[in-house]
N, C-alpha and C. Protein backbone atom coordinates (compact mmCIF):
# COMPACT_ATOMS: atom_id res chain seq x y z
N MET A 1 113.54 116.82 123.86
CA MET A 1 113.22 116.64 125.68
C MET A 1 114.25 115.11 125.68
N ALA A 2 115.00 115.30 126.54
CA ALA A 2 115.63 114.24 127.26
C ALA A 2 115.69 113.54 128.47
N ILE A 3 115.62 112.27 128.84
CA ILE A 3 115.84 112.09 130.04
C ILE A 3 117.01 112.48 130.72
N ASP A 4 117.42 113.29 131.56
CA ASP A 4 118.74 113.65 132.20
C ASP A 4 119.39 112.60 133.26
N GLN A 5 118.05 111.96 133.97
CA GLN A 5 118.55 111.65 135.03
C GLN A 5 117.38 110.64 135.54
N GLU A 6 117.29 109.28 135.99
CA GLU A 6 116.27 108.77 136.53
C GLU A 6 116.71 108.09 137.78
N THR A 7 116.07 108.28 138.74
CA THR A 7 116.40 107.61 140.18
C THR A 7 115.17 107.15 140.90
N GLU A 8 115.49 105.97 141.83
CA GLU A 8 114.20 105.48 142.26
C GLU A 8 114.00 106.46 143.47
N MET A 9 113.00 106.22 143.91
CA MET A 9 112.41 107.41 145.09
C MET A 9 112.68 106.44 146.58
N THR A 10 113.27 107.06 147.70
CA THR A 10 113.52 106.39 148.85
C THR A 10 111.88 106.18 149.39
N ASP A 11 112.15 105.34 150.76
CA ASP A 11 110.81 105.09 151.20
C ASP A 11 110.21 106.29 151.67
N ALA A 12 111.19 107.35 152.33
CA ALA A 12 111.07 108.50 152.92
C ALA A 12 110.26 109.39 152.21
N GLU A 13 110.86 109.23 150.87
CA GLU A 13 110.38 110.20 149.58
C GLU A 13 108.99 109.87 149.10
N ILE A 14 108.90 108.74 149.09
CA ILE A 14 107.58 108.15 148.64
C ILE A 14 106.36 108.37 149.65
N ASP A 15 106.67 108.17 151.00
CA ASP A 15 106.03 108.51 152.06
C ASP A 15 105.39 110.05 151.88
N ASP A 16 106.37 111.11 151.73
CA ASP A 16 106.42 112.52 151.74
C ASP A 16 105.40 112.74 150.22
N PHE A 17 105.72 112.24 149.31
CA PHE A 17 104.92 112.26 148.11
C PHE A 17 103.43 112.02 148.11
N LEU A 18 103.14 110.84 148.81
CA LEU A 18 101.88 110.19 148.81
C LEU A 18 101.19 110.98 149.66
N THR A 19 101.72 111.69 150.96
CA THR A 19 100.57 112.27 151.82
C THR A 19 100.55 113.72 151.41
N ARG A 20 101.41 114.25 150.52
CA ARG A 20 101.11 115.38 149.72
C ARG A 20 100.21 115.56 148.64
N HIS A 21 99.81 114.24 148.15
CA HIS A 21 98.73 114.07 146.98
C HIS A 21 97.64 113.60 147.37
N GLU A 22 96.71 113.63 146.66
CA GLU A 22 95.15 112.89 147.49
C GLU A 22 94.44 112.20 146.13
N THR A 23 95.38 112.32 144.87
CA THR A 23 94.30 111.72 143.96
C THR A 23 95.40 110.67 143.03
N GLY A 24 94.73 109.85 142.30
CA GLY A 24 95.60 109.09 141.55
C GLY A 24 94.73 108.04 140.29
N VAL A 25 95.29 106.90 139.88
CA VAL A 25 94.46 106.32 139.03
C VAL A 25 94.52 104.92 139.48
N LEU A 26 93.28 104.48 139.90
CA LEU A 26 93.22 102.81 140.27
C LEU A 26 92.90 101.79 138.92
N SER A 27 94.01 100.84 138.96
CA SER A 27 93.57 100.21 137.78
C SER A 27 93.14 98.74 138.76
N LEU A 28 92.25 98.21 137.77
CA LEU A 28 91.88 96.68 138.21
C LEU A 28 91.85 95.92 137.16
N ALA A 29 92.00 94.49 137.49
CA ALA A 29 92.22 93.74 136.51
C ALA A 29 91.59 92.38 136.92
N ARG A 30 91.20 91.71 135.67
CA ARG A 30 90.48 90.41 136.38
C ARG A 30 90.65 89.66 134.94
N THR A 31 91.19 88.62 134.92
CA THR A 31 91.51 87.78 133.74
C THR A 31 92.02 88.73 132.73
N ASP A 32 91.32 88.56 131.56
CA ASP A 32 91.93 89.60 130.62
C ASP A 32 91.45 91.16 130.27
N GLU A 33 90.63 91.20 131.38
CA GLU A 33 89.92 92.56 131.53
C GLU A 33 90.65 93.46 132.26
N PRO A 34 90.90 95.08 131.61
CA PRO A 34 91.46 95.98 132.60
C PRO A 34 90.25 97.14 132.91
N TYR A 35 90.30 97.69 133.94
CA TYR A 35 89.37 98.85 134.08
C TYR A 35 90.30 99.69 135.08
N ALA A 36 90.25 101.39 134.50
CA ALA A 36 90.99 102.05 135.51
C ALA A 36 90.07 103.23 135.69
N ILE A 37 90.19 103.80 136.82
CA ILE A 37 89.15 105.00 137.40
C ILE A 37 90.34 105.94 138.15
N PRO A 38 89.69 107.22 138.03
CA PRO A 38 90.65 108.08 138.81
C PRO A 38 90.11 108.23 140.48
N ILE A 39 90.96 108.30 141.42
CA ILE A 39 90.31 108.06 142.67
C ILE A 39 90.92 109.23 143.59
N SER A 40 90.41 109.53 144.66
CA SER A 40 90.84 109.95 145.78
C SER A 40 91.45 109.03 146.97
N TYR A 41 92.22 109.42 147.70
CA TYR A 41 92.82 108.42 148.54
C TYR A 41 93.23 108.85 149.79
N GLY A 42 93.24 108.43 151.00
CA GLY A 42 94.18 109.11 152.03
C GLY A 42 95.17 107.99 152.01
N TYR A 43 96.20 108.36 152.69
CA TYR A 43 97.53 107.58 152.82
C TYR A 43 98.19 107.45 154.42
N ASP A 44 97.98 106.51 154.76
CA ASP A 44 98.90 106.55 156.28
C ASP A 44 99.97 105.87 156.25
N ASP A 45 101.26 106.89 156.30
CA ASP A 45 102.67 106.88 156.01
C ASP A 45 103.14 106.03 157.34
N ASP A 46 102.70 105.57 158.36
CA ASP A 46 103.00 104.74 159.26
C ASP A 46 103.00 103.46 158.83
N GLU A 47 101.67 103.17 158.47
CA GLU A 47 101.25 101.72 158.22
C GLU A 47 101.71 101.45 156.57
N ARG A 48 101.66 102.52 155.89
CA ARG A 48 102.04 102.47 154.32
C ARG A 48 100.64 101.78 153.63
N GLU A 49 99.55 102.12 154.06
CA GLU A 49 98.42 101.59 153.44
C GLU A 49 97.43 102.93 152.79
N PHE A 50 96.47 102.49 151.83
CA PHE A 50 95.86 103.53 151.29
C PHE A 50 94.32 103.28 151.59
N TYR A 51 93.58 104.26 151.68
CA TYR A 51 92.33 104.22 152.05
C TYR A 51 91.31 104.82 151.10
N MET A 52 90.38 104.02 150.64
CA MET A 52 89.54 104.94 149.63
C MET A 52 88.05 104.57 149.68
N ARG A 53 87.19 105.69 149.47
CA ARG A 53 85.74 105.08 149.19
C ARG A 53 85.31 105.13 147.58
N MET A 54 84.61 104.06 147.54
CA MET A 54 84.12 103.76 146.00
C MET A 54 82.73 104.12 145.59
N VAL A 55 82.48 104.90 144.82
CA VAL A 55 80.95 104.74 144.90
C VAL A 55 80.56 104.79 143.34
N SER A 56 79.54 103.29 143.49
CA SER A 56 79.29 102.99 142.16
C SER A 56 77.60 102.87 142.22
N THR A 57 76.80 102.56 141.11
CA THR A 57 75.53 102.07 141.03
C THR A 57 75.54 100.78 140.86
N PRO A 58 74.29 100.14 141.26
CA PRO A 58 74.44 98.77 141.71
C PRO A 58 74.72 97.81 140.38
N ASP A 59 74.46 98.26 139.23
CA ASP A 59 74.62 97.08 138.00
C ASP A 59 76.15 97.85 137.05
N SER A 60 76.93 98.92 137.82
CA SER A 60 77.96 99.71 137.17
C SER A 60 79.16 98.33 136.84
N GLU A 61 79.92 98.64 136.09
CA GLU A 61 81.21 98.02 135.57
C GLU A 61 82.13 97.88 136.57
N LYS A 62 82.05 99.24 137.48
CA LYS A 62 83.24 99.58 138.78
C LYS A 62 82.68 98.54 139.52
N ARG A 63 81.42 98.32 139.99
CA ARG A 63 80.64 97.17 141.10
C ARG A 63 81.10 96.05 140.55
N GLN A 64 80.96 95.61 139.18
CA GLN A 64 81.23 94.33 138.53
C GLN A 64 82.71 93.74 139.11
N PHE A 65 83.69 94.42 138.83
CA PHE A 65 85.11 94.39 139.20
C PHE A 65 85.34 94.53 140.68
N LEU A 66 84.98 95.53 141.21
CA LEU A 66 85.06 95.52 142.68
C LEU A 66 84.65 93.83 143.49
N GLU A 67 83.65 93.76 142.92
CA GLU A 67 83.12 91.94 143.54
C GLU A 67 83.65 91.18 143.10
N SER A 68 84.84 91.26 142.06
CA SER A 68 85.48 89.84 141.72
C SER A 68 86.81 89.85 142.34
N THR A 69 87.17 90.52 143.28
CA THR A 69 88.41 90.78 144.13
C THR A 69 89.64 90.53 143.12
N PRO A 70 89.75 91.78 142.72
CA PRO A 70 90.42 91.90 141.44
C PRO A 70 92.20 92.35 141.93
N GLN A 71 93.19 92.25 140.94
CA GLN A 71 94.33 93.17 141.74
C GLN A 71 94.29 94.15 141.18
N ALA A 72 94.92 95.08 142.00
CA ALA A 72 94.81 96.51 141.90
C ALA A 72 96.36 97.01 141.62
N ARG A 73 96.33 98.32 141.15
CA ARG A 73 97.48 99.05 140.93
C ARG A 73 96.92 100.40 140.85
N LEU A 74 97.61 101.15 141.85
CA LEU A 74 97.47 102.68 141.97
C LEU A 74 98.60 103.29 141.69
N VAL A 75 98.10 104.34 140.81
CA VAL A 75 99.54 105.23 140.17
C VAL A 75 98.99 106.62 140.63
N VAL A 76 100.13 107.15 141.39
CA VAL A 76 100.12 108.77 141.63
C VAL A 76 101.41 109.33 141.20
N TYR A 77 100.92 110.45 140.53
CA TYR A 77 101.92 111.19 139.84
C TYR A 77 101.99 112.72 139.65
N ASP A 78 102.86 113.34 139.17
CA ASP A 78 102.97 114.79 139.03
C ASP A 78 104.35 115.14 138.35
N GLU A 79 104.15 115.90 138.01
CA GLU A 79 105.08 116.82 136.90
C GLU A 79 105.30 118.42 137.54
N ALA A 80 106.37 118.76 137.93
CA ALA A 80 106.80 120.10 138.50
C ALA A 80 108.26 120.62 137.86
N ASP A 81 108.14 121.77 137.12
CA ASP A 81 109.40 122.20 136.60
C ASP A 81 110.08 121.02 135.67
N SER A 82 111.14 120.77 136.02
CA SER A 82 111.62 119.39 135.01
C SER A 82 111.75 118.60 135.59
N THR A 83 110.87 118.00 136.59
CA THR A 83 110.94 116.60 137.64
C THR A 83 109.71 116.17 137.35
N TYR A 84 109.76 114.75 137.07
CA TYR A 84 108.39 113.72 137.07
C TYR A 84 108.71 113.04 138.34
N ARG A 85 107.62 112.80 138.74
CA ARG A 85 107.47 111.65 140.06
C ARG A 85 106.42 110.78 139.88
N SER A 86 106.35 109.40 140.04
CA SER A 86 105.35 108.74 140.07
C SER A 86 105.63 107.69 140.93
N VAL A 87 104.67 107.14 141.75
CA VAL A 87 104.79 106.25 142.57
C VAL A 87 103.65 105.09 142.12
N ILE A 88 103.86 103.91 142.57
CA ILE A 88 102.93 102.45 141.76
C ILE A 88 103.02 101.90 142.96
N ALA A 89 101.92 101.52 143.54
CA ALA A 89 101.17 100.79 144.65
C ALA A 89 100.52 99.68 143.77
N THR A 90 100.83 98.30 144.25
CA THR A 90 100.16 96.82 143.65
C THR A 90 99.57 96.21 145.05
N GLY A 91 98.67 95.51 144.85
CA GLY A 91 97.91 94.67 145.76
C GLY A 91 96.37 94.39 145.59
N GLU A 92 96.02 93.98 146.58
CA GLU A 92 94.53 93.44 146.70
C GLU A 92 93.78 94.73 147.48
N LEU A 93 92.50 94.96 146.68
CA LEU A 93 91.82 96.07 147.49
C LEU A 93 91.05 95.05 148.90
N GLU A 94 90.88 95.41 149.78
CA GLU A 94 90.04 95.09 150.95
C GLU A 94 88.90 95.66 151.19
N SER A 95 87.65 95.05 151.56
CA SER A 95 86.56 95.82 151.58
C SER A 95 86.44 95.99 153.24
N ILE A 96 86.23 97.06 153.85
CA ILE A 96 86.36 97.16 155.12
C ILE A 96 84.76 97.64 155.32
N GLU A 97 84.03 97.08 156.55
CA GLU A 97 82.98 97.25 157.09
C GLU A 97 82.98 98.54 157.97
N PRO A 98 81.87 99.69 157.86
CA PRO A 98 82.16 100.73 158.66
C PRO A 98 82.06 100.46 160.11
N SER A 99 81.63 99.57 160.54
CA SER A 99 81.22 98.93 161.93
C SER A 99 82.81 98.43 162.46
N ASP A 100 83.38 98.07 161.40
CA ASP A 100 85.10 97.59 161.90
C ASP A 100 85.94 98.52 161.94
N LEU A 101 85.71 99.85 161.50
CA LEU A 101 86.61 100.81 161.50
C LEU A 101 87.25 101.46 162.82
N THR A 102 88.56 101.63 162.59
CA THR A 102 89.37 102.10 163.96
C THR A 102 89.34 103.64 163.84
N PRO A 103 89.63 104.19 165.11
CA PRO A 103 89.51 105.80 164.75
C PRO A 103 90.63 106.13 163.69
N ASP A 104 91.72 105.58 163.87
CA ASP A 104 92.96 105.82 162.56
C ASP A 104 92.38 106.04 161.05
N GLN A 105 91.63 104.50 161.29
CA GLN A 105 90.94 104.32 159.55
C GLN A 105 90.10 105.74 159.33
N ILE A 106 89.32 105.99 160.31
CA ILE A 106 88.19 106.93 160.02
C ILE A 106 88.99 108.39 159.54
N ALA A 107 90.16 108.42 160.28
CA ALA A 107 91.25 109.64 159.90
C ALA A 107 91.43 109.49 158.66
N GLN A 108 91.99 108.64 158.02
CA GLN A 108 92.45 108.36 156.66
C GLN A 108 91.44 108.33 155.54
N TYR A 109 90.28 108.01 156.19
CA TYR A 109 89.09 108.05 155.00
C TYR A 109 88.77 109.72 155.05
N GLY A 110 89.01 110.47 156.06
CA GLY A 110 88.65 111.89 156.10
C GLY A 110 89.72 112.47 155.18
N GLU A 111 90.78 112.12 154.84
CA GLU A 111 91.84 112.56 153.88
C GLU A 111 91.27 112.24 152.43
N ALA A 112 90.85 111.41 152.21
CA ALA A 112 90.10 111.14 150.75
C ALA A 112 89.11 112.51 150.65
N LYS A 113 89.18 112.80 149.11
CA LYS A 113 87.85 113.85 148.97
C LYS A 113 86.60 113.13 149.10
N ARG A 114 85.76 113.58 149.43
CA ARG A 114 84.52 113.34 149.54
C ARG A 114 83.65 112.86 148.18
N PRO A 115 83.57 112.10 147.69
CA PRO A 115 82.57 111.61 146.51
C PRO A 115 81.77 112.92 146.03
N LEU A 116 81.63 113.28 144.85
CA LEU A 116 80.52 114.44 144.39
C LEU A 116 79.56 113.89 143.80
N PHE A 117 78.43 113.73 144.85
CA PHE A 117 77.33 112.74 144.31
C PHE A 117 76.53 113.71 142.83
N GLU A 118 76.66 115.21 143.12
CA GLU A 118 76.15 115.82 141.79
C GLU A 118 76.69 115.18 140.43
N ILE A 119 77.76 114.65 140.23
CA ILE A 119 78.09 114.07 138.94
C ILE A 119 77.44 112.78 138.88
N TRP A 120 76.56 112.24 139.50
CA TRP A 120 76.12 110.84 139.24
C TRP A 120 74.77 111.16 138.55
N ALA A 121 74.21 110.44 137.63
CA ALA A 121 72.91 110.75 136.98
C ALA A 121 71.83 110.08 138.35
N ASP A 122 72.02 109.29 138.87
CA ASP A 122 71.16 108.37 139.75
C ASP A 122 71.19 109.39 140.99
N GLY A 123 70.22 109.48 141.88
CA GLY A 123 70.13 109.74 143.16
C GLY A 123 70.94 109.10 144.15
N LYS A 124 71.34 109.95 145.31
CA LYS A 124 72.02 109.50 146.63
C LYS A 124 71.79 108.17 147.01
N ASP A 125 70.35 107.97 146.94
CA ASP A 125 69.69 106.42 147.37
C ASP A 125 70.07 105.23 146.50
N GLU A 126 70.42 105.66 145.33
CA GLU A 126 70.71 104.49 144.23
C GLU A 126 72.52 104.14 144.09
N LEU A 127 72.90 104.82 145.06
CA LEU A 127 74.37 104.48 144.98
C LEU A 127 75.15 103.64 146.00
N ASN A 128 75.90 103.05 145.78
CA ASN A 128 76.92 102.45 146.59
C ASN A 128 77.72 102.55 147.01
N ILE A 129 78.05 103.17 148.23
CA ILE A 129 79.33 103.64 148.77
C ILE A 129 80.27 102.75 149.73
N GLU A 130 81.26 102.58 149.44
CA GLU A 130 82.02 101.14 149.94
C GLU A 130 83.50 101.85 150.23
N LEU A 131 83.97 101.25 151.58
CA LEU A 131 85.18 101.75 151.96
C LEU A 131 85.97 100.52 151.57
N TYR A 132 87.36 100.83 151.20
CA TYR A 132 88.44 100.11 150.60
C TYR A 132 89.84 100.57 151.24
N ARG A 133 90.42 99.31 151.66
CA ARG A 133 92.00 99.65 152.03
C ARG A 133 92.83 98.46 151.15
N LEU A 134 93.88 99.34 150.63
CA LEU A 134 94.95 98.77 149.85
C LEU A 134 95.93 98.69 150.76
N VAL A 135 96.59 97.42 151.07
CA VAL A 135 97.96 97.19 151.80
C VAL A 135 98.81 96.89 150.51
N PRO A 136 99.85 97.66 150.19
CA PRO A 136 100.38 97.38 148.84
C PRO A 136 101.60 96.12 149.54
N ALA A 137 101.32 95.04 148.24
CA ALA A 137 102.12 94.16 148.08
C ALA A 137 103.66 94.57 147.74
N THR A 138 103.48 95.62 146.63
CA THR A 138 104.79 96.37 146.22
C THR A 138 104.62 97.74 146.17
N LEU A 139 105.40 98.62 146.33
CA LEU A 139 105.28 100.04 146.38
C LEU A 139 106.72 100.64 146.19
N GLY A 140 106.45 101.29 144.92
CA GLY A 140 107.98 101.92 144.72
C GLY A 140 107.78 103.33 143.79
N GLY A 141 108.47 104.12 143.76
CA GLY A 141 108.72 105.31 142.95
C GLY A 141 109.90 105.67 142.49
N ARG A 142 109.53 106.50 141.27
CA ARG A 142 110.86 107.06 140.42
C ARG A 142 110.55 108.67 140.26
N ARG A 143 111.44 109.25 140.40
CA ARG A 143 112.05 110.64 140.00
C ARG A 143 112.76 110.65 138.73
N THR A 144 112.34 111.19 137.57
CA THR A 144 112.71 111.44 136.61
C THR A 144 113.18 113.20 136.09
N GLU A 145 114.47 113.50 136.17
CA GLU A 145 114.66 114.85 135.67
C GLU A 145 114.68 114.80 134.19
N ILE A 146 113.96 115.95 133.63
CA ILE A 146 114.21 116.24 132.13
C ILE A 146 114.64 117.18 131.56
N ASP A 147 115.75 117.14 130.61
CA ASP A 147 116.14 118.17 129.95
C ASP A 147 115.55 119.07 129.15
N ARG A 148 115.07 119.79 129.25
CA ARG A 148 114.04 120.44 127.98
C ARG A 148 114.63 121.39 127.05
N GLU A 149 115.80 121.38 127.31
CA GLU A 149 116.34 122.55 126.44
C GLU A 149 116.95 121.86 125.32
N GLU A 150 116.79 120.42 125.03
CA GLU A 150 117.21 119.83 123.79
C GLU A 150 116.29 119.99 122.66
C-alpha cells in the first residue's frame, strides 16, 4: 500500500467534512501530560467553531484537565474506499455557561450526540455536564489517496 497523492483540503472541503461527521478525538495537554478522549461535537460552519458537551465525575482525570485550561487538539478522520481524510483543529477550550447560550449555540449543541449516561458507573446526579466551545487557532485538513494494489 503506497500513498498515491496527498493534498490539502480547501476551507469549503473542511467545512463540508466537519458538518458530515459528529465524532472525533479530543486531546488535551498540560505541561508534559497528555489526555485524549473520544467526543461528539456540533460544528458551526459559518463561524468555524466546535461545540461539545463534556461529562465527567467530580474527581475524574478529565475534570482535572478541563480545569487546567489546557491546550486542545481535535482530530476528525475517516477512510472510505482508497481515500483517507483528516481534519485537525487546535486552540483553547472555552467553557460556556448555559445561561449565556445564544439560540444558534443551542442548535450546535443539539448536533452533538447526547452523552450516554448508561455507560457511567455513577448516577446522573454524580456527573458534571459542562458545555465547551473550541474556536480554532488553526484548522487544516488533508486528503490522501492510497494505492492499495501494490
